[in-house]
Amino acid sequence: MNIRPLADRVLVEPKEAETKTASGIYIPETAKEKPQQGKVIAVGGGKKDEPMELKVGDTVLYGKYSGTEITVDGKDYLMMRQSDVLAVL
């Protein structure tokens, strides 16, 4: 992949939305919620006063409406600021 985020931005591949509940009920396409978990694919260099704390391969939690959706080579990704990431799992 040729995407290199700038400054404090990270590229995240969202986890697939759940298709079945824990009790075994299948969730229809229209009722699926947007995933809030994903894997960091690429990171920027950070800012002078805010170094990059995330690294490639981290599994992260982020806000429901965080980031900008982009599609590269047919795959969906989210580009977001490091501050949009809530936690590293």
PDB file of N, CA and C in Angstrom:
ATOM      1  N   MET A   1       0.849  -1.171   0.000  1.00  0.00           N
ATOM      2  CA  MET A   1       0.000   0.000   0.000  1.00  0.00           C
ATOM      3  C   MET A   1       0.897   1.238   0.000  1.00  0.00           C
ATOM      4  N   ASN A   2       0.521   2.240  -0.751  1.00  0.00           N
ATOM      5  CA  ASN A   2       1.339   3.432  -0.900  1.00  0.00           C
ATOM      6  C   ASN A   2       0.819   4.626  -0.120  1.00  0.00           C
ATOM      7  N   ILE A   3      -0.016   4.421   0.878  1.00  0.00           N
ATOM      8  CA  ILE A   3      -0.538   5.540   1.660  1.00  0.00           C
ATOM      9  C   ILE A   3       0.346   5.745   2.884  1.00  0.00           C
ATOM     10  N   ARG A   4       0.810   6.980   3.064  1.00  0.00           N
ATOM     11  CA  ARG A   4       1.603   7.336   4.232  1.00  0.00           C
ATOM     12  C   ARG A   4       0.915   8.522   4.896  1.00  0.00           C
ATOM     13  N   PRO A   5       0.242   8.295   6.023  1.00  0.00           N
ATOM     14  CA  PRO A   5      -0.433   9.393   6.715  1.00  0.00           C
ATOM     15  C   PRO A   5       0.569  10.458   7.154  1.00  0.00           C
ATOM     16  N   LEU A   6       0.117  11.698   7.223  1.00  0.00           N
ATOM     17  CA  LEU A   6       0.961  12.807   7.634  1.00  0.00           C
ATOM     18  C   LEU A   6       0.654  13.210   9.075  1.00  0.00           C
ATOM     19  N   ALA A   7       1.624  13.806   9.735  1.00  0.00           N
ATOM     20  CA  ALA A   7       1.515  14.360  11.091  1.00  0.00           C
ATOM     21  C   ALA A   7       0.946  13.333  12.066  1.00  0.00           C
ATOM     22  N   ASP A   8      -0.187  13.646  12.701  1.00  0.00           N
ATOM     23  CA  ASP A   8      -0.737  12.781  13.749  1.00  0.00           C
ATOM     24  C   ASP A   8      -1.880  11.895  13.247  1.00  0.00           C
ATOM     25  N   ARG A   9      -1.898  11.607  11.974  1.00  0.00           N
ATOM     26  CA  ARG A   9      -2.984  10.782  11.409  1.00  0.00           C
ATOM     27  C   ARG A   9      -2.594   9.309  11.345  1.00  0.00           C
ATOM     28  N   VAL A  10      -3.617   8.447  11.441  1.00  0.00           N
ATOM     29  CA  VAL A  10      -3.412   7.002  11.340  1.00  0.00           C
ATOM     30  C   VAL A  10      -4.426   6.424  10.358  1.00  0.00           C
ATOM     31  N   LEU A  11      -4.045   5.358   9.682  1.00  0.00           N
ATOM     32  CA  LEU A  11      -4.924   4.646   8.763  1.00  0.00           C
ATOM     33  C   LEU A  11      -5.352   3.360   9.457  1.00  0.00           C
ATOM     34  N   VAL A  12      -6.661   3.174   9.600  1.00  0.00           N
ATOM     35  CA  VAL A  12      -7.211   2.040  10.335  1.00  0.00           C
ATOM     36  C   VAL A  12      -8.092   1.207   9.413  1.00  0.00           C
ATOM     37  N   GLU A  13      -7.920  -0.104   9.483  1.00  0.00           N
ATOM     38  CA  GLU A  13      -8.809  -1.030   8.773  1.00  0.00           C
ATOM     39  C   GLU A  13      -9.868  -1.479   9.766  1.00  0.00           C
ATOM     40  N   PRO A  14     -11.139  -1.059   9.564  1.00  0.00           N
ATOM     41  CA  PRO A  14     -12.194  -1.411  10.521  1.00  0.00           C
ATOM     42  C   PRO A  14     -12.448  -2.915  10.564  1.00  0.00           C
ATOM     43  N   LYS A  15     -12.787  -3.394  11.744  1.00  0.00           N
ATOM     44  CA  LYS A  15     -13.168  -4.796  11.923  1.00  0.00           C
ATOM     45  C   LYS A  15     -14.529  -4.998  11.254  1.00  0.00           C
ATOM     46  N   GLU A  16     -14.747  -6.180  10.735  1.00  0.00           N
ATOM     47  CA  GLU A  16     -16.036  -6.484  10.099  1.00  0.00           C
ATOM     48  C   GLU A  16     -17.166  -6.402  11.120  1.00  0.00           C
ATOM     49  N   ALA A  17     -18.321  -5.907  10.690  1.00  0.00           N
ATOM     50  CA  ALA A  17     -19.489  -5.815  11.557  1.00  0.00           C
ATOM     51  C   ALA A  17     -19.974  -7.223  11.910  1.00  0.00           C
ATOM     52  N   GLU A  18     -20.444  -7.367  13.130  1.00  0.00           N
ATOM     53  CA  GLU A  18     -20.947  -8.665  13.591  1.00  0.00           C
ATOM     54  C   GLU A  18     -22.179  -9.067  12.777  1.00  0.00           C
ATOM     55  N   THR A  19     -22.241 -10.359  12.404  1.00  0.00           N
ATOM     56  CA  THR A  19     -23.392 -10.841  11.649  1.00  0.00           C
ATOM     57  C   THR A  19     -24.300 -11.712  12.507  1.00  0.00           C
ATOM     58  N   LYS A  20     -23.814 -12.070  13.707  1.00  0.00           N
ATOM     59  CA  LYS A  20     -24.601 -12.927  14.577  1.00  0.00           C
ATOM     60  C   LYS A  20     -24.371 -12.494  16.022  1.00  0.00           C
ATOM     61  N   THR A  21     -25.428 -12.494  16.831  1.00  0.00           N
ATOM     62  CA  THR A  21     -25.301 -12.127  18.227  1.00  0.00           C
ATOM     63  C   THR A  21     -24.701 -13.288  19.021  1.00  0.00           C
ATOM     64  N   ALA A  22     -24.349 -13.034  20.271  1.00  0.00           N
ATOM     65  CA  ALA A  22     -23.781 -14.071  21.130  1.00  0.00           C
ATOM     66  C   ALA A  22     -24.749 -15.229  21.350  1.00  0.00           C
ATOM     67  N   SER A  23     -26.052 -14.934  21.290  1.00  0.00           N
ATOM     68  CA  SER A  23     -27.054 -15.986  21.489  1.00  0.00           C
ATOM     69  C   SER A  23     -27.405 -16.723  20.198  1.00  0.00           C
ATOM     70  N   GLY A  24     -26.804 -16.327  19.062  1.00  0.00           N
ATOM     71  CA  GLY A  24     -26.999 -17.058  17.813  1.00  0.00           C
ATOM     72  C   GLY A  24     -27.994 -16.446  16.851  1.00  0.00           C
ATOM     73  N   ILE A  25     -28.507 -15.264  17.143  1.00  0.00           N
ATOM     74  CA  ILE A  25     -29.469 -14.616  16.254  1.00  0.00           C
ATOM     75  C   ILE A  25     -28.709 -13.861  15.168  1.00  0.00           C
ATOM     76  N   TYR A  26     -29.098 -14.068  13.910  1.00  0.00           N
ATOM     77  CA  TYR A  26     -28.451 -13.384  12.794  1.00  0.00           C
ATOM     78  C   TYR A  26     -28.973 -11.958  12.669  1.00  0.00           C
ATOM     79  N   ILE A  27     -28.069 -11.018  12.441  1.00  0.00           N
ATOM     80  CA  ILE A  27     -28.414  -9.604  12.336  1.00  0.00           C
ATOM     81  C   ILE A  27     -28.557  -9.244  10.853  1.00  0.00           C
ATOM     82  N   PRO A  28     -29.697  -8.662  10.447  1.00  0.00           N
ATOM     83  CA  PRO A  28     -29.855  -8.272   9.035  1.00  0.00           C
ATOM     84  C   PRO A  28     -28.945  -7.093   8.686  1.00  0.00           C
ATOM     85  N   GLU A  29     -28.637  -6.928   7.397  1.00  0.00           N
ATOM     86  CA  GLU A  29     -27.762  -5.853   6.920  1.00  0.00           C
ATOM     87  C   GLU A  29     -28.217  -4.478   7.397  1.00  0.00           C
ATOM     88  N   THR A  30     -29.522  -4.241   7.408  1.00  0.00           N
ATOM     89  CA  THR A  30     -30.039  -2.922   7.757  1.00  0.00           C
ATOM     90  C   THR A  30     -29.893  -2.597   9.231  1.00  0.00           C
ATOM     91  N   ALA A  31     -29.694  -3.592  10.076  1.00  0.00           N
ATOM     92  CA  ALA A  31     -29.613  -3.366  11.521  1.00  0.00           C
ATOM     93  C   ALA A  31     -28.179  -3.402  12.063  1.00  0.00           C
ATOM     94  N   LYS A  32     -27.213  -3.670  11.191  1.00  0.00           N
ATOM     95  CA  LYS A  32     -25.824  -3.755  11.657  1.00  0.00           C
ATOM     96  C   LYS A  32     -25.313  -2.382  12.073  1.00  0.00           C
ATOM     97  N   GLU A  33     -24.556  -2.365  13.163  1.00  0.00           N
ATOM     98  CA  GLU A  33     -23.957  -1.118  13.626  1.00  0.00           C
ATOM     99  C   GLU A  33     -22.562  -0.974  13.043  1.00  0.00           C
ATOM    100  N   LYS A  34     -22.145   0.262  12.877  1.00  0.00           N
ATOM    101  CA  LYS A  34     -20.817   0.564  12.375  1.00  0.00           C
ATOM    102  C   LYS A  34     -19.785   0.084  13.404  1.00  0.00           C
ATOM    103  N   PRO A  35     -18.760  -0.661  12.989  1.00  0.00           N
ATOM    104  CA  PRO A  35     -17.770  -1.157  13.949  1.00  0.00           C
ATOM    105  C   PRO A  35     -16.965  -0.014  14.565  1.00  0.00           C
ATOM    106  N   GLN A  36     -16.535  -0.195  15.810  1.00  0.00           N
ATOM    107  CA  GLN A  36     -15.757   0.810  16.514  1.00  0.00           C
ATOM    108  C   GLN A  36     -14.384   0.263  16.892  1.00  0.00           C
ATOM    109  N   GLN A  37     -13.971  -0.770  16.203  1.00  0.00           N
ATOM    110  CA  GLN A  37     -12.699  -1.416  16.489  1.00  0.00           C
ATOM    111  C   GLN A  37     -12.005  -1.695  15.165  1.00  0.00           C
ATOM    112  N   GLY A  38     -10.674  -1.601  15.157  1.00  0.00           N
ATOM    113  CA  GLY A  38      -9.952  -1.860  13.927  1.00  0.00           C
ATOM    114  C   GLY A  38      -8.466  -2.038  14.170  1.00  0.00           C
ATOM    115  N   LYS A  39      -7.743  -2.289  13.081  1.00  0.00           N
ATOM    116  CA  LYS A  39      -6.303  -2.535  13.137  1.00  0.00           C
ATOM    117  C   LYS A  39      -5.584  -1.386  12.437  1.00  0.00           C
ATOM    118  N   VAL A  40      -4.527  -0.870  13.071  1.00  0.00           N
ATOM    119  CA  VAL A  40      -3.744   0.224  12.506  1.00  0.00           C
ATOM    120  C   VAL A  40      -2.894  -0.329  11.361  1.00  0.00           C
ATOM    121  N   ILE A  41      -3.033   0.263  10.174  1.00  0.00           N
ATOM    122  CA  ILE A  41      -2.320  -0.172   8.974  1.00  0.00           C
ATOM    123  C   ILE A  41      -1.100   0.708   8.713  1.00  0.00           C
ATOM    124  N   ALA A  42      -1.222   2.013   8.963  1.00  0.00           N
ATOM    125  CA  ALA A  42      -0.115   2.949   8.734  1.00  0.00           C
ATOM    126  C   ALA A  42      -0.248   4.111   9.706  1.00  0.00           C
ATOM    127  N   VAL A  43       0.889   4.704  10.094  1.00  0.00           N
ATOM    128  CA  VAL A  43       0.887   5.840  11.016  1.00  0.00           C
ATOM    129  C   VAL A  43       1.751   6.969  10.462  1.00  0.00           C
ATOM    130  N   GLY A  44       1.414   8.191  10.865  1.00  0.00           N
ATOM    131  CA  GLY A  44       2.213   9.352  10.503  1.00  0.00           C
ATOM    132  C   GLY A  44       3.366   9.522  11.480  1.00  0.00           C
ATOM    133  N   GLY A  45       4.133  10.583  11.305  1.00  0.00           N
ATOM    134  CA  GLY A  45       5.307  10.821  12.140  1.00  0.00           C
ATOM    135  C   GLY A  45       5.008  11.502  13.455  1.00  0.00           C
ATOM    136  N   GLY A  46       3.791  11.961  13.673  1.00  0.00           N
ATOM    137  CA  GLY A  46       3.442  12.680  14.882  1.00  0.00           C
ATOM    138  C   GLY A  46       3.702  14.167  14.717  1.00  0.00           C
ATOM    139  N   LYS A  47       3.355  14.936  15.746  1.00  0.00           N
ATOM    140  CA  LYS A  47       3.601  16.371  15.752  1.00  0.00           C
ATOM    141  C   LYS A  47       4.767  16.670  16.676  1.00  0.00           C
ATOM    142  N   LYS A  48       5.307  17.865  16.583  1.00  0.00           N
ATOM    143  CA  LYS A  48       6.446  18.251  17.403  1.00  0.00           C
ATOM    144  C   LYS A  48       6.108  18.162  18.895  1.00  0.00           C
ATOM    145  N   ASP A  49       4.938  18.646  19.276  1.00  0.00           N
ATOM    146  CA  ASP A  49       4.537  18.637  20.683  1.00  0.00           C
ATOM    147  C   ASP A  49       3.697  17.419  21.069  1.00  0.00           C
ATOM    148  N   GLU A  50       3.407  16.518  20.112  1.00  0.00           N
ATOM    149  CA  GLU A  50       2.599  15.328  20.380  1.00  0.00           C
ATOM    150  C   GLU A  50       3.169  14.150  19.573  1.00  0.00           C
ATOM    151  N   PRO A  51       4.081  13.373  20.178  1.00  0.00           N
ATOM    152  CA  PRO A  51       4.675  12.246  19.443  1.00  0.00           C
ATOM    153  C   PRO A  51       3.650  11.152  19.157  1.00  0.00           C
ATOM    154  N   MET A  52       3.892  10.367  18.117  1.00  0.00           N
ATOM    155  CA  MET A  52       2.994   9.275  17.745  1.00  0.00           C
ATOM    156  C   MET A  52       3.139   8.131  18.745  1.00  0.00           C
ATOM    157  N   GLU A  53       2.036   7.762  19.377  1.00  0.00           N
ATOM    158  CA  GLU A  53       2.039   6.683  20.360  1.00  0.00           C
ATOM    159  C   GLU A  53       1.589   5.358  19.756  1.00  0.00           C
ATOM    160  N   LEU A  54       0.881   5.417  18.633  1.00  0.00           N
ATOM    161  CA  LEU A  54       0.374   4.203  17.991  1.00  0.00           C
ATOM    162  C   LEU A  54       1.424   3.651  17.047  1.00  0.00           C
ATOM    163  N   LYS A  55       1.332   2.337  16.792  1.00  0.00           N
ATOM    164  CA  LYS A  55       2.239   1.717  15.832  1.00  0.00           C
ATOM    165  C   LYS A  55       1.450   0.762  14.952  1.00  0.00           C
ATOM    166  N   VAL A  56       2.021   0.432  13.813  1.00  0.00           N
ATOM    167  CA  VAL A  56       1.369  -0.474  12.868  1.00  0.00           C
ATOM    168  C   VAL A  56       1.113  -1.810  13.552  1.00  0.00           C
ATOM    169  N   GLY A  57      -0.094  -2.332  13.384  1.00  0.00           N
ATOM    170  CA  GLY A  57      -0.460  -3.619  13.966  1.00  0.00           C
ATOM    171  C   GLY A  57      -1.277  -3.502  15.240  1.00  0.00           C
ATOM    172  N   ASP A  58      -1.338  -2.317  15.855  1.00  0.00           N
ATOM    173  CA  ASP A  58      -2.149  -2.125  17.068  1.00  0.00           C
ATOM    174  C   ASP A  58      -3.619  -2.327  16.752  1.00  0.00           C
ATOM    175  N   THR A  59      -4.353  -2.941  17.670  1.00  0.00           N
ATOM    176  CA  THR A  59      -5.804  -3.034  17.577  1.00  0.00           C
ATOM    177  C   THR A  59      -6.359  -1.922  18.461  1.00  0.00           C
ATOM    178  N   VAL A  60      -7.202  -1.074  17.878  1.00  0.00           N
ATOM    179  CA  VAL A  60      -7.657   0.124  18.581  1.00  0.00           C
ATOM    180  C   VAL A  60      -9.178   0.227  18.618  1.00  0.00           C
ATOM    181  N   LEU A  61      -9.663   0.982  19.605  1.00  0.00           N
ATOM    182  CA  LEU A  61     -11.067   1.373  19.707  1.00  0.00           C
ATOM    183  C   LEU A  61     -11.140   2.849  19.353  1.00  0.00           C
ATOM    184  N   TYR A  62     -12.162   3.237  18.588  1.00  0.00           N
ATOM    185  CA  TYR A  62     -12.314   4.632  18.189  1.00  0.00           C
ATOM    186  C   TYR A  62     -13.777   5.010  18.263  1.00  0.00           C
ATOM    187  N   GLY A  63     -14.047   6.308  18.239  1.00  0.00           N
ATOM    188  CA  GLY A  63     -15.415   6.814  18.320  1.00  0.00           C
ATOM    189  C   GLY A  63     -16.261   6.369  17.136  1.00  0.00           C
ATOM    190  N   LYS A  64     -17.551   6.300  17.358  1.00  0.00           N
ATOM    191  CA  LYS A  64     -18.477   5.817  16.339  1.00  0.00           C
ATOM    192  C   LYS A  64     -18.434   6.628  15.049  1.00  0.00           C
ATOM    193  N   TYR A  65     -18.263   7.933  15.160  1.00  0.00           N
ATOM    194  CA  TYR A  65     -18.285   8.794  13.975  1.00  0.00           C
ATOM    195  C   TYR A  65     -16.903   9.375  13.679  1.00  0.00           C
ATOM    196  N   SER A  66     -15.854   8.720  14.130  1.00  0.00           N
ATOM    197  CA  SER A  66     -14.484   9.203  13.930  1.00  0.00           C
ATOM    198  C   SER A  66     -13.975   8.879  12.538  1.00  0.00           C
ATOM    199  N   GLY A  67     -13.089   9.718  12.042  1.00  0.00           N
ATOM    200  CA  GLY A  67     -12.370   9.431  10.815  1.00  0.00           C
ATOM    201  C   GLY A  67     -13.121   9.724   9.540  1.00  0.00           C
ATOM    202  N   THR A  68     -12.369   9.614   8.460  1.00  0.00           N
ATOM    203  CA  THR A  68     -12.885   9.804   7.109  1.00  0.00           C
ATOM    204  C   THR A  68     -12.749   8.486   6.364  1.00  0.00           C
ATOM    205  N   GLU A  69     -13.850   8.015   5.785  1.00  0.00           N
ATOM    206  CA  GLU A  69     -13.827   6.746   5.070  1.00  0.00           C
ATOM    207  C   GLU A  69     -13.153   6.925   3.716  1.00  0.00           C
ATOM    208  N   ILE A  70     -12.204   6.031   3.415  1.00  0.00           N
ATOM    209  CA  ILE A  70     -11.559   6.031   2.106  1.00  0.00           C
ATOM    210  C   ILE A  70     -11.500   4.597   1.599  1.00  0.00           C
ATOM    211  N   THR A  71     -11.450   4.435   0.280  1.00  0.00           N
ATOM    212  CA  THR A  71     -11.351   3.121  -0.338  1.00  0.00           C
ATOM    213  C   THR A  71     -10.084   3.084  -1.182  1.00  0.00           C
ATOM    214  N   VAL A  72      -9.247   2.077  -0.927  1.00  0.00           N
ATOM    215  CA  VAL A  72      -8.009   1.896  -1.669  1.00  0.00           C
ATOM    216  C   VAL A  72      -7.953   0.443  -2.135  1.00  0.00           C
ATOM    217  N   ASP A  73      -7.784   0.232  -3.423  1.00  0.00           N
ATOM    218  CA  ASP A  73      -7.716  -1.110  -4.008  1.00  0.00           C
ATOM    219  C   ASP A  73      -8.910  -1.970  -3.599  1.00  0.00           C
ATOM    220  N   GLY A  74     -10.102  -1.368  -3.518  1.00  0.00           N
ATOM    221  CA  GLY A  74     -11.318  -2.098  -3.195  1.00  0.00           C
ATOM    222  C   GLY A  74     -11.528  -2.396  -1.721  1.00  0.00           C
ATOM    223  N   LYS A  75     -10.642  -1.933  -0.839  1.00  0.00           N
ATOM    224  CA  LYS A  75     -10.796  -2.154   0.610  1.00  0.00           C
ATOM    225  C   LYS A  75     -11.132  -0.836   1.276  1.00  0.00           C
ATOM    226  N   ASP A  76     -11.974  -0.897   2.296  1.00  0.00           N
ATOM    227  CA  ASP A  76     -12.383   0.297   3.029  1.00  0.00           C
ATOM    228  C   ASP A  76     -11.478   0.527   4.226  1.00  0.00           C
ATOM    229  N   TYR A  77     -11.101   1.778   4.432  1.00  0.00           N
ATOM    230  CA  TYR A  77     -10.246   2.183   5.550  1.00  0.00           C
ATOM    231  C   TYR A  77     -10.798   3.458   6.161  1.00  0.00           C
ATOM    232  N   LEU A  78     -10.312   3.780   7.346  1.00  0.00           N
ATOM    233  CA  LEU A  78     -10.619   5.046   7.998  1.00  0.00           C
ATOM    234  C   LEU A  78      -9.324   5.802   8.237  1.00  0.00           C
ATOM    235  N   MET A  79      -9.288   7.078   7.866  1.00  0.00           N
ATOM    236  CA  MET A  79      -8.155   7.945   8.165  1.00  0.00           C
ATOM    237  C   MET A  79      -8.612   8.841   9.304  1.00  0.00           C
ATOM    238  N   MET A  80      -7.882   8.811  10.424  1.00  0.00           N
ATOM    239  CA  MET A  80      -8.282   9.596  11.586  1.00  0.00           C
ATOM    240  C   MET A  80      -7.072  10.136  12.319  1.00  0.00           C
ATOM    241  N   ARG A  81      -7.312  11.103  13.180  1.00  0.00           N
ATOM    242  CA  ARG A  81      -6.246  11.643  14.011  1.00  0.00           C
ATOM    243  C   ARG A  81      -5.980  10.692  15.180  1.00  0.00           C
ATOM    244  N   GLN A  82      -4.762  10.734  15.670  1.00  0.00           N
ATOM    245  CA  GLN A  82      -4.401   9.904  16.821  1.00  0.00           C
ATOM    246  C   GLN A  82      -5.321  10.210  18.012  1.00  0.00           C
ATOM    247  N   SER A  83      -5.754  11.462  18.147  1.00  0.00           N
ATOM    248  CA  SER A  83      -6.618  11.834  19.267  1.00  0.00           C
ATOM    249  C   SER A  83      -8.021  11.250  19.159  1.00  0.00           C
ATOM    250  N   ASP A  84      -8.432  10.769  17.969  1.00  0.00           N
ATOM    251  CA  ASP A  84      -9.731  10.126  17.804  1.00  0.00           C
ATOM    252  C   ASP A  84      -9.733   8.699  18.336  1.00  0.00           C
ATOM    253  N   VAL A  85      -8.551   8.134  18.547  1.00  0.00           N
ATOM    254  CA  VAL A  85      -8.443   6.772  19.067  1.00  0.00           C
ATOM    255  C   VAL A  85      -8.660   6.816  20.574  1.00  0.00           C
ATOM    256  N   LEU A  86      -9.578   5.990  21.060  1.00  0.00           N
ATOM    257  CA  LEU A  86      -9.923   5.988  22.477  1.00  0.00           C
ATOM    258  C   LEU A  86      -9.028   5.076  23.298  1.00  0.00           C
ATOM    259  N   ALA A  87      -8.637   3.918  22.737  1.00  0.00           N
ATOM    260  CA  ALA A  87      -7.841   2.959  23.499  1.00  0.00           C
ATOM    261  C   ALA A  87      -7.137   1.978  22.563  1.00  0.00           C
ATOM    262  N   VAL A  88      -6.054   1.405  23.069  1.00  0.00           N
ATOM    263  CA  VAL A  88      -5.355   0.334  22.363  1.00  0.00           C
ATOM    264  C   VAL A  88      -5.677  -0.960  23.099  1.00  0.00           C
ATOM    265  N   LEU A  89      -6.100  -1.976  22.357  1.00  0.00           N
ATOM    266  CA  LEU A  89      -6.460  -3.266  22.992  1.00  0.00           C
ATOM    267  C   LEU A  89      -5.258  -4.182  23.050  1.00  0.00           C
TER     268      LEU A  89
END
